[in-house]
Amino acid sequence: MSVLRDLPTIDILAELRCQKGANPARRWTANDYFDIVTLRHGVPNCDIVSADKFWADLSNRAGLGERYETKILGRPSALIEVLQDLDA
């Protein structure tokens, strides 16, 4: 598993697919692909990432925000709050 941690985009892809697969009640959609692609590139390269509530929650429960020192937000109002805190 340490090899995956050395490759952030692969690590995030594997983690999110495993987390999503653990919930058989929620079916995969075409948009899930785009959400994962966006997160796998955004999380290791950005300080703040905004995603839909489901993917933000999944990412945070998987510890991706802490692992890559990224704030992963699931609501637009949270983004506004974080940006206002940066300005203060």
C-alpha atoms as a PDB file:
ATOM      1  CA  MET A   1       0.000   0.000   0.000  1.00  0.00           C
ATOM      2  CA  SER A   2       2.950   2.351   0.532  1.00  0.00           C
ATOM      3  CA  VAL A   3       3.546   2.445  -3.224  1.00  0.00           C
ATOM      4  CA  LEU A   4       0.064   3.932  -3.682  1.00  0.00           C
ATOM      5  CA  ARG A   5       0.802   6.647  -1.129  1.00  0.00           C
ATOM      6  CA  ASP A   6       3.763   7.695  -3.274  1.00  0.00           C
ATOM      7  CA  LEU A   7       1.408   8.229  -6.227  1.00  0.00           C
ATOM      8  CA  PRO A   8      -1.308  10.587  -4.947  1.00  0.00           C
ATOM      9  CA  THR A   9      -3.626  10.369  -7.948  1.00  0.00           C
ATOM     10  CA  ILE A  10      -3.612   6.562  -7.808  1.00  0.00           C
ATOM     11  CA  ASP A  11      -3.940   6.583  -4.015  1.00  0.00           C
ATOM     12  CA  ILE A  12      -6.998   8.840  -4.162  1.00  0.00           C
ATOM     13  CA  LEU A  13      -8.570   6.869  -7.023  1.00  0.00           C
ATOM     14  CA  ALA A  14      -8.154   3.569  -5.153  1.00  0.00           C
ATOM     15  CA  GLU A  15      -9.382   5.006  -1.862  1.00  0.00           C
ATOM     16  CA  LEU A  16     -12.495   6.594  -3.356  1.00  0.00           C
ATOM     17  CA  ARG A  17     -13.384   3.514  -5.393  1.00  0.00           C
ATOM     18  CA  CYS A  18     -13.050   1.310  -2.310  1.00  0.00           C
ATOM     19  CA  GLN A  19     -15.103   3.677  -0.182  1.00  0.00           C
ATOM     20  CA  LYS A  20     -17.792   3.992  -2.842  1.00  0.00           C
ATOM     21  CA  GLY A  21     -17.861   0.235  -3.441  1.00  0.00           C
ATOM     22  CA  ALA A  22     -18.472  -0.339   0.263  1.00  0.00           C
ATOM     23  CA  ASN A  23     -21.899   1.266  -0.150  1.00  0.00           C
ATOM     24  CA  PRO A  24     -23.866  -1.025  -2.505  1.00  0.00           C
ATOM     25  CA  ALA A  25     -27.042   1.003  -1.937  1.00  0.00           C
ATOM     26  CA  ARG A  26     -25.676   3.838  -4.058  1.00  0.00           C
ATOM     27  CA  ARG A  27     -25.230   2.891  -7.690  1.00  0.00           C
ATOM     28  CA  TRP A  28     -22.387   4.176  -9.851  1.00  0.00           C
ATOM     29  CA  THR A  29     -23.336   6.933 -12.279  1.00  0.00           C
ATOM     30  CA  ALA A  30     -21.517   8.496 -15.213  1.00  0.00           C
ATOM     31  CA  ASN A  31     -20.957  11.630 -13.124  1.00  0.00           C
ATOM     32  CA  ASP A  32     -19.155   9.603 -10.452  1.00  0.00           C
ATOM     33  CA  TYR A  33     -16.306   9.147 -12.916  1.00  0.00           C
ATOM     34  CA  PHE A  34     -15.948  12.906 -13.364  1.00  0.00           C
ATOM     35  CA  ASP A  35     -16.145  13.503  -9.613  1.00  0.00           C
ATOM     36  CA  ILE A  36     -13.340  11.020  -8.932  1.00  0.00           C
ATOM     37  CA  VAL A  37     -11.147  12.411 -11.716  1.00  0.00           C
ATOM     38  CA  THR A  38     -11.593  15.928 -10.374  1.00  0.00           C
ATOM     39  CA  LEU A  39     -10.851  14.907  -6.791  1.00  0.00           C
ATOM     40  CA  ARG A  40      -7.841  12.767  -7.639  1.00  0.00           C
ATOM     41  CA  HIS A  41      -6.166  15.751  -9.284  1.00  0.00           C
ATOM     42  CA  GLY A  42      -7.506  18.512  -7.045  1.00  0.00           C
ATOM     43  CA  VAL A  43      -6.903  17.063  -3.594  1.00  0.00           C
ATOM     44  CA  PRO A  44      -3.118  16.582  -3.839  1.00  0.00           C
ATOM     45  CA  ASN A  45      -2.567  19.864  -5.702  1.00  0.00           C
ATOM     46  CA  CYS A  46      -4.929  22.380  -4.078  1.00  0.00           C
ATOM     47  CA  ASP A  47      -5.357  23.887  -0.633  1.00  0.00           C
ATOM     48  CA  ILE A  48      -9.167  23.894  -0.935  1.00  0.00           C
ATOM     49  CA  VAL A  49     -11.393  21.604  -3.013  1.00  0.00           C
ATOM     50  CA  SER A  50     -15.155  21.926  -3.349  1.00  0.00           C
ATOM     51  CA  ALA A  51     -17.126  18.800  -4.242  1.00  0.00           C
ATOM     52  CA  ASP A  52     -20.706  17.656  -3.937  1.00  0.00           C
ATOM     53  CA  LYS A  53     -21.785  16.624  -0.447  1.00  0.00           C
ATOM     54  CA  PHE A  54     -21.474  12.861  -1.052  1.00  0.00           C
ATOM     55  CA  TRP A  55     -17.934  12.923  -2.453  1.00  0.00           C
ATOM     56  CA  ALA A  56     -16.707  15.513   0.046  1.00  0.00           C
ATOM     57  CA  ASP A  57     -18.002  13.393   2.923  1.00  0.00           C
ATOM     58  CA  LEU A  58     -16.508  10.217   1.457  1.00  0.00           C
ATOM     59  CA  SER A  59     -13.149  11.920   0.907  1.00  0.00           C
ATOM     60  CA  ASN A  60     -13.047  13.335   4.407  1.00  0.00           C
ATOM     61  CA  ARG A  61     -14.079  10.033   6.036  1.00  0.00           C
ATOM     62  CA  ALA A  62     -11.252   8.370   4.085  1.00  0.00           C
ATOM     63  CA  GLY A  63      -8.824  10.898   5.575  1.00  0.00           C
ATOM     64  CA  LEU A  64      -7.781  12.359   2.222  1.00  0.00           C
ATOM     65  CA  GLY A  65      -8.025  15.953   3.429  1.00  0.00           C
ATOM     66  CA  GLU A  66      -5.629  15.307   6.290  1.00  0.00           C
ATOM     67  CA  ARG A  67      -3.327  13.113   4.223  1.00  0.00           C
ATOM     68  CA  TYR A  68      -2.849  15.770   1.533  1.00  0.00           C
ATOM     69  CA  GLU A  69      -3.366  18.864   3.728  1.00  0.00           C
ATOM     70  CA  THR A  70      -6.398  19.943   1.730  1.00  0.00           C
ATOM     71  CA  LYS A  71      -9.738  21.301   2.908  1.00  0.00           C
ATOM     72  CA  ILE A  72     -12.421  19.269   1.138  1.00  0.00           C
ATOM     73  CA  LEU A  73     -15.744  21.072   1.282  1.00  0.00           C
ATOM     74  CA  GLY A  74     -19.202  19.794   0.421  1.00  0.00           C
ATOM     75  CA  ARG A  75     -21.306  22.947   0.474  1.00  0.00           C
ATOM     76  CA  PRO A  76     -20.946  26.312  -1.256  1.00  0.00           C
ATOM     77  CA  SER A  77     -21.485  28.138   2.035  1.00  0.00           C
ATOM     78  CA  ALA A  78     -18.469  26.315   3.513  1.00  0.00           C
ATOM     79  CA  LEU A  79     -16.334  27.627   0.661  1.00  0.00           C
ATOM     80  CA  ILE A  80     -17.478  31.167   1.378  1.00  0.00           C
ATOM     81  CA  GLU A  81     -16.649  30.724   5.082  1.00  0.00           C
ATOM     82  CA  VAL A  82     -13.151  29.398   4.338  1.00  0.00           C
ATOM     83  CA  LEU A  83     -12.418  32.194   1.878  1.00  0.00           C
ATOM     84  CA  GLN A  84     -13.632  34.809   4.375  1.00  0.00           C
ATOM     85  CA  ASP A  85     -11.364  33.295   7.050  1.00  0.00           C
ATOM     86  CA  LEU A  86      -8.409  33.599   4.678  1.00  0.00           C
ATOM     87  CA  ASP A  87      -9.186  37.273   4.196  1.00  0.00           C
ATOM     88  CA  ALA A  88      -9.375  37.968   7.946  1.00  0.00           C
END
